[in-house]
Amino acid sequence: MNESQISVRYAKALFQSASARKVLDRVYSDMEMITETCQVAEFQYLLAVPSLAASEKCRISDSVFRDALSELSLSMIHLVIENKREIYLPAIARNFRDLYRRAKGIRAATLVTAQPLEKREVDQIRKVIKGAFREEVMLTQSLDEEIIGGFVLTIEDMQYDASVSRSLRKMKNQLMQTQIEK
């Protein structure tokens, strides 16, 4: 079974269980926390080290998450560890978040700019996206000075690159393909 099938199956099972118990919103925020925690190098090591017994991994994950996660999310982590699927935990969390957003009619979008935008500008962009897709928008922002100016907007698997750096690359490629005649 490939990685995506494994993570999708666990995520679907968790989604169904959370939905039945009416704790979808809580488990969604748990998955956000798990995603952040899985980016910490020490936690990645905990998940990947094969010599550590499942019971020890469960004990350590309990000490990390006990006060922060719901009982259902902790149970899922234990199940994943006991089935030796802990390396799939970040993908399970990502797939759960995707299922949740789809069920709630929310589009995930990322806006990358060279400089911070004002709140009214961000609200206007959110409004345009909401109008285009007729769904709520969860817009996250990040800064990247390398784009020089403009923006890069990613909505799920679509990307609109209106950055100055892209325009400069495009211009450079056109100039490189131009032949000079005598």
C-alpha atoms as a PDB file:
ATOM      1  CA  MET A   1       0.000   0.000   0.000  1.00  0.00           C
ATOM      2  CA  ASN A   2       1.462   3.376  -0.919  1.00  0.00           C
ATOM      3  CA  GLU A   3       1.885   6.330   1.396  1.00  0.00           C
ATOM      4  CA  SER A   4      -1.041   8.345   0.090  1.00  0.00           C
ATOM      5  CA  GLN A   5      -3.486   5.453   0.466  1.00  0.00           C
ATOM      6  CA  ILE A   6      -2.377   4.857   4.053  1.00  0.00           C
ATOM      7  CA  SER A   7      -2.638   8.490   5.097  1.00  0.00           C
ATOM      8  CA  VAL A   8      -5.952   8.985   3.286  1.00  0.00           C
ATOM      9  CA  ARG A   9      -7.498   5.933   4.965  1.00  0.00           C
ATOM     10  CA  TYR A  10      -6.465   7.025   8.446  1.00  0.00           C
ATOM     11  CA  ALA A  11      -7.617  10.593   7.744  1.00  0.00           C
ATOM     12  CA  LYS A  12     -11.007   9.406   6.466  1.00  0.00           C
ATOM     13  CA  ALA A  13     -11.511   7.165   9.481  1.00  0.00           C
ATOM     14  CA  LEU A  14     -10.603  10.010  11.831  1.00  0.00           C
ATOM     15  CA  PHE A  15     -12.890  12.389   9.932  1.00  0.00           C
ATOM     16  CA  GLN A  16     -15.821   9.975  10.154  1.00  0.00           C
ATOM     17  CA  SER A  17     -15.238   9.358  13.844  1.00  0.00           C
ATOM     18  CA  ALA A  18     -14.894  13.086  14.608  1.00  0.00           C
ATOM     19  CA  SER A  19     -18.011  13.814  12.582  1.00  0.00           C
ATOM     20  CA  ALA A  20     -20.024  11.137  14.394  1.00  0.00           C
ATOM     21  CA  ARG A  21     -18.895  12.504  17.765  1.00  0.00           C
ATOM     22  CA  LYS A  22     -19.530  16.109  16.626  1.00  0.00           C
ATOM     23  CA  VAL A  23     -15.963  17.216  17.385  1.00  0.00           C
ATOM     24  CA  LEU A  24     -14.831  18.059  13.843  1.00  0.00           C
ATOM     25  CA  ASP A  25     -13.736  21.599  14.684  1.00  0.00           C
ATOM     26  CA  ARG A  26     -11.717  20.452  17.693  1.00  0.00           C
ATOM     27  CA  VAL A  27      -9.999  17.656  15.761  1.00  0.00           C
ATOM     28  CA  TYR A  28      -9.260  20.095  12.927  1.00  0.00           C
ATOM     29  CA  SER A  29      -7.397  22.368  15.340  1.00  0.00           C
ATOM     30  CA  ASP A  30      -5.646  19.263  16.724  1.00  0.00           C
ATOM     31  CA  MET A  31      -4.455  18.405  13.215  1.00  0.00           C
ATOM     32  CA  GLU A  32      -3.156  21.955  12.806  1.00  0.00           C
ATOM     33  CA  MET A  33      -1.126  21.505  16.002  1.00  0.00           C
ATOM     34  CA  ILE A  34       0.127  18.082  14.913  1.00  0.00           C
ATOM     35  CA  THR A  35       1.227  19.557  11.585  1.00  0.00           C
ATOM     36  CA  GLU A  36       3.218  22.263  13.365  1.00  0.00           C
ATOM     37  CA  THR A  37       4.723  19.791  15.819  1.00  0.00           C
ATOM     38  CA  CYS A  38       5.734  17.410  13.026  1.00  0.00           C
ATOM     39  CA  GLN A  39       7.922  20.185  11.613  1.00  0.00           C
ATOM     40  CA  VAL A  40      10.087  20.175  14.750  1.00  0.00           C
ATOM     41  CA  ALA A  41      13.264  18.174  14.118  1.00  0.00           C
ATOM     42  CA  GLU A  42      13.190  16.369  17.467  1.00  0.00           C
ATOM     43  CA  PHE A  43       9.624  15.188  16.913  1.00  0.00           C
ATOM     44  CA  GLN A  44      10.495  14.063  13.374  1.00  0.00           C
ATOM     45  CA  TYR A  45      13.303  12.009  14.889  1.00  0.00           C
ATOM     46  CA  LEU A  46      10.908  10.492  17.435  1.00  0.00           C
ATOM     47  CA  LEU A  47       8.626   9.372  14.603  1.00  0.00           C
ATOM     48  CA  ALA A  48      11.434   7.998  12.451  1.00  0.00           C
ATOM     49  CA  VAL A  49      13.684   6.169  14.947  1.00  0.00           C
ATOM     50  CA  PRO A  50      13.041   2.430  14.562  1.00  0.00           C
ATOM     51  CA  SER A  51      14.791   1.349  17.758  1.00  0.00           C
ATOM     52  CA  LEU A  52      12.275   3.118  20.013  1.00  0.00           C
ATOM     53  CA  ALA A  53       9.424   0.837  21.112  1.00  0.00           C
ATOM     54  CA  ALA A  54       5.854   1.800  20.223  1.00  0.00           C
ATOM     55  CA  SER A  55       4.975   2.055  23.913  1.00  0.00           C
ATOM     56  CA  GLU A  56       7.788   4.582  24.427  1.00  0.00           C
ATOM     57  CA  LYS A  57       6.692   6.600  21.393  1.00  0.00           C
ATOM     58  CA  CYS A  58       3.128   6.637  22.768  1.00  0.00           C
ATOM     59  CA  ARG A  59       4.361   7.731  26.182  1.00  0.00           C
ATOM     60  CA  ILE A  60       6.449  10.553  24.695  1.00  0.00           C
ATOM     61  CA  SER A  61       3.660  11.716  22.389  1.00  0.00           C
ATOM     62  CA  ASP A  62       1.295  11.703  25.394  1.00  0.00           C
ATOM     63  CA  SER A  63       3.671  13.947  27.317  1.00  0.00           C
ATOM     64  CA  VAL A  64       3.865  16.305  24.333  1.00  0.00           C
ATOM     65  CA  PHE A  65       0.142  16.411  23.483  1.00  0.00           C
ATOM     66  CA  ARG A  66      -1.789  15.332  26.608  1.00  0.00           C
ATOM     67  CA  ASP A  67      -3.086  18.772  27.590  1.00  0.00           C
ATOM     68  CA  ALA A  68      -3.372  20.112  24.055  1.00  0.00           C
ATOM     69  CA  LEU A  69      -5.222  17.486  22.003  1.00  0.00           C
ATOM     70  CA  SER A  70      -8.632  15.886  22.228  1.00  0.00           C
ATOM     71  CA  GLU A  71      -8.978  12.297  23.376  1.00  0.00           C
ATOM     72  CA  LEU A  72      -9.912  11.231  19.838  1.00  0.00           C
ATOM     73  CA  SER A  73      -6.768  12.754  18.329  1.00  0.00           C
ATOM     74  CA  LEU A  74      -4.573  11.151  21.003  1.00  0.00           C
ATOM     75  CA  SER A  75      -6.217   7.784  20.321  1.00  0.00           C
ATOM     76  CA  MET A  76      -5.498   8.190  16.615  1.00  0.00           C
ATOM     77  CA  ILE A  77      -1.837   8.933  17.336  1.00  0.00           C
ATOM     78  CA  HIS A  78      -1.607   5.801  19.510  1.00  0.00           C
ATOM     79  CA  LEU A  79      -3.252   3.689  16.808  1.00  0.00           C
ATOM     80  CA  VAL A  80      -0.891   5.022  14.150  1.00  0.00           C
ATOM     81  CA  ILE A  81       2.157   4.352  16.332  1.00  0.00           C
ATOM     82  CA  GLU A  82       0.999   0.859  17.327  1.00  0.00           C
ATOM     83  CA  ASN A  83       0.474  -0.001  13.654  1.00  0.00           C
ATOM     84  CA  LYS A  84       3.988   1.283  12.865  1.00  0.00           C
ATOM     85  CA  ARG A  85       2.626   4.032  10.619  1.00  0.00           C
ATOM     86  CA  GLU A  86       3.925   7.008  12.601  1.00  0.00           C
ATOM     87  CA  ILE A  87       5.936   8.388   9.692  1.00  0.00           C
ATOM     88  CA  TYR A  88       2.589   9.036   7.977  1.00  0.00           C
ATOM     89  CA  LEU A  89       1.322  11.276  10.792  1.00  0.00           C
ATOM     90  CA  PRO A  90       2.029  14.584   8.957  1.00  0.00           C
ATOM     91  CA  ALA A  91       0.269  13.288   5.825  1.00  0.00           C
ATOM     92  CA  ILE A  92      -2.685  12.032   7.881  1.00  0.00           C
ATOM     93  CA  ALA A  93      -3.052  15.481   9.458  1.00  0.00           C
ATOM     94  CA  ARG A  94      -2.799  17.167   6.046  1.00  0.00           C
ATOM     95  CA  ASN A  95      -5.408  14.841   4.517  1.00  0.00           C
ATOM     96  CA  PHE A  96      -7.756  15.352   7.465  1.00  0.00           C
ATOM     97  CA  ARG A  97      -7.466  19.122   7.066  1.00  0.00           C
ATOM     98  CA  ASP A  98      -8.279  18.764   3.353  1.00  0.00           C
ATOM     99  CA  LEU A  99     -11.349  16.638   4.117  1.00  0.00           C
ATOM    100  CA  TYR A 100     -12.507  19.138   6.728  1.00  0.00           C
ATOM    101  CA  ARG A 101     -12.126  22.120   4.388  1.00  0.00           C
ATOM    102  CA  ARG A 102     -13.953  20.308   1.610  1.00  0.00           C
ATOM    103  CA  ALA A 103     -16.803  19.399   3.951  1.00  0.00           C
ATOM    104  CA  LYS A 104     -17.056  22.967   5.247  1.00  0.00           C
ATOM    105  CA  GLY A 105     -16.766  24.545   1.774  1.00  0.00           C
ATOM    106  CA  ILE A 106     -13.495  26.304   2.538  1.00  0.00           C
ATOM    107  CA  ARG A 107     -10.759  26.996  -0.020  1.00  0.00           C
ATOM    108  CA  ALA A 108      -7.184  27.130   1.221  1.00  0.00           C
ATOM    109  CA  ALA A 109      -5.112  29.887  -0.353  1.00  0.00           C
ATOM    110  CA  THR A 110      -1.625  31.229   0.213  1.00  0.00           C
ATOM    111  CA  LEU A 111      -0.543  34.741  -0.686  1.00  0.00           C
ATOM    112  CA  VAL A 112       3.171  35.472  -0.964  1.00  0.00           C
ATOM    113  CA  THR A 113       4.270  39.096  -1.188  1.00  0.00           C
ATOM    114  CA  ALA A 114       7.574  40.938  -0.924  1.00  0.00           C
ATOM    115  CA  GLN A 115       6.223  43.280   1.750  1.00  0.00           C
ATOM    116  CA  PRO A 116       3.389  42.991   4.272  1.00  0.00           C
ATOM    117  CA  LEU A 117      -0.067  43.996   3.052  1.00  0.00           C
ATOM    118  CA  GLU A 118      -2.581  46.081   4.947  1.00  0.00           C
ATOM    119  CA  LYS A 119      -5.606  44.326   6.383  1.00  0.00           C
ATOM    120  CA  ARG A 120      -7.999  45.975   3.922  1.00  0.00           C
ATOM    121  CA  GLU A 121      -5.889  44.739   0.976  1.00  0.00           C
ATOM    122  CA  VAL A 122      -5.917  41.182   2.324  1.00  0.00           C
ATOM    123  CA  ASP A 123      -9.672  41.406   2.916  1.00  0.00           C
ATOM    124  CA  GLN A 124     -10.172  42.592  -0.666  1.00  0.00           C
ATOM    125  CA  ILE A 125      -8.136  39.654  -2.029  1.00  0.00           C
ATOM    126  CA  ARG A 126     -10.122  37.246   0.155  1.00  0.00           C
ATOM    127  CA  LYS A 127     -13.361  38.780  -1.154  1.00  0.00           C
ATOM    128  CA  VAL A 128     -12.270  38.361  -4.803  1.00  0.00           C
ATOM    129  CA  ILE A 129     -11.329  34.707  -4.237  1.00  0.00           C
ATOM    130  CA  LYS A 130     -14.591  34.058  -2.394  1.00  0.00           C
ATOM    131  CA  GLY A 131     -16.535  35.588  -5.276  1.00  0.00           C
ATOM    132  CA  ALA A 132     -14.676  33.528  -7.873  1.00  0.00           C
ATOM    133  CA  PHE A 133     -15.083  30.188  -6.096  1.00  0.00           C
ATOM    134  CA  ARG A 134     -18.310  30.895  -4.161  1.00  0.00           C
ATOM    135  CA  GLU A 135     -16.722  29.373  -1.062  1.00  0.00           C
ATOM    136  CA  GLU A 136     -15.156  30.642   2.123  1.00  0.00           C
ATOM    137  CA  VAL A 137     -11.427  31.284   1.900  1.00  0.00           C
ATOM    138  CA  MET A 138      -8.769  30.478   4.450  1.00  0.00           C
ATOM    139  CA  LEU A 139      -5.975  32.805   3.339  1.00  0.00           C
ATOM    140  CA  THR A 140      -2.493  32.535   4.801  1.00  0.00           C
ATOM    141  CA  GLN A 141       0.183  35.073   4.058  1.00  0.00           C
ATOM    142  CA  SER A 142       3.923  34.837   3.845  1.00  0.00           C
ATOM    143  CA  LEU A 143       6.741  37.152   2.871  1.00  0.00           C
ATOM    144  CA  ASP A 144       9.443  36.447   0.325  1.00  0.00           C
ATOM    145  CA  GLU A 145      11.694  39.357  -0.614  1.00  0.00           C
ATOM    146  CA  GLU A 146      13.022  37.391  -3.596  1.00  0.00           C
ATOM    147  CA  ILE A 147       9.828  37.986  -5.561  1.00  0.00           C
ATOM    148  CA  ILE A 148      10.834  41.702  -5.468  1.00  0.00           C
ATOM    149  CA  GLY A 149       7.262  42.961  -5.893  1.00  0.00           C
ATOM    150  CA  GLY A 150       3.811  41.821  -6.907  1.00  0.00           C
ATOM    151  CA  PHE A 151       2.482  38.581  -5.483  1.00  0.00           C
ATOM    152  CA  VAL A 152       2.150  34.829  -5.897  1.00  0.00           C
ATOM    153  CA  LEU A 153      -1.313  33.485  -5.105  1.00  0.00           C
ATOM    154  CA  THR A 154      -1.781  29.740  -4.668  1.00  0.00           C
ATOM    155  CA  ILE A 155      -5.299  28.376  -4.333  1.00  0.00           C
ATOM    156  CA  GLU A 156      -5.084  24.662  -3.617  1.00  0.00           C
ATOM    157  CA  ASP A 157      -3.358  23.299  -6.756  1.00  0.00           C
ATOM    158  CA  MET A 158      -3.612  26.468  -8.886  1.00  0.00           C
ATOM    159  CA  GLN A 159      -0.994  29.193  -8.861  1.00  0.00           C
ATOM    160  CA  TYR A 160      -1.097  32.746 -10.197  1.00  0.00           C
ATOM    161  CA  ASP A 161       2.366  34.297 -10.296  1.00  0.00           C
ATOM    162  CA  ALA A 162       2.213  38.068 -10.743  1.00  0.00           C
ATOM    163  CA  SER A 163       5.625  38.701  -9.212  1.00  0.00           C
ATOM    164  CA  VAL A 164       8.269  41.046 -10.513  1.00  0.00           C
ATOM    165  CA  SER A 165      10.869  38.268 -10.364  1.00  0.00           C
ATOM    166  CA  ARG A 166       8.750  36.105 -12.707  1.00  0.00           C
ATOM    167  CA  SER A 167       8.382  39.003 -15.144  1.00  0.00           C
ATOM    168  CA  LEU A 168      12.138  39.551 -15.088  1.00  0.00           C
ATOM    169  CA  ARG A 169      12.821  35.830 -15.712  1.00  0.00           C
ATOM    170  CA  LYS A 170      10.365  35.846 -18.591  1.00  0.00           C
ATOM    171  CA  MET A 171      11.999  38.957 -20.075  1.00  0.00           C
ATOM    172  CA  LYS A 172      15.457  37.405 -19.697  1.00  0.00           C
ATOM    173  CA  ASN A 173      14.335  34.233 -21.499  1.00  0.00           C
ATOM    174  CA  GLN A 174      12.889  36.288 -24.352  1.00  0.00           C
ATOM    175  CA  LEU A 175      16.111  38.286 -24.669  1.00  0.00           C
ATOM    176  CA  MET A 176      18.194  35.111 -24.666  1.00  0.00           C
ATOM    177  CA  GLN A 177      16.134  33.728 -27.556  1.00  0.00           C
ATOM    178  CA  THR A 178      16.417  36.918 -29.617  1.00  0.00           C
ATOM    179  CA  GLN A 179      18.863  36.777 -32.481  1.00  0.00           C
ATOM    180  CA  ILE A 180      20.706  39.875 -33.563  1.00  0.00           C
ATOM    181  CA  GLU A 181      21.049  40.356 -37.313  1.00  0.00           C
ATOM    182  CA  LYS A 182      23.686  42.481 -39.043  1.00  0.00           C
END
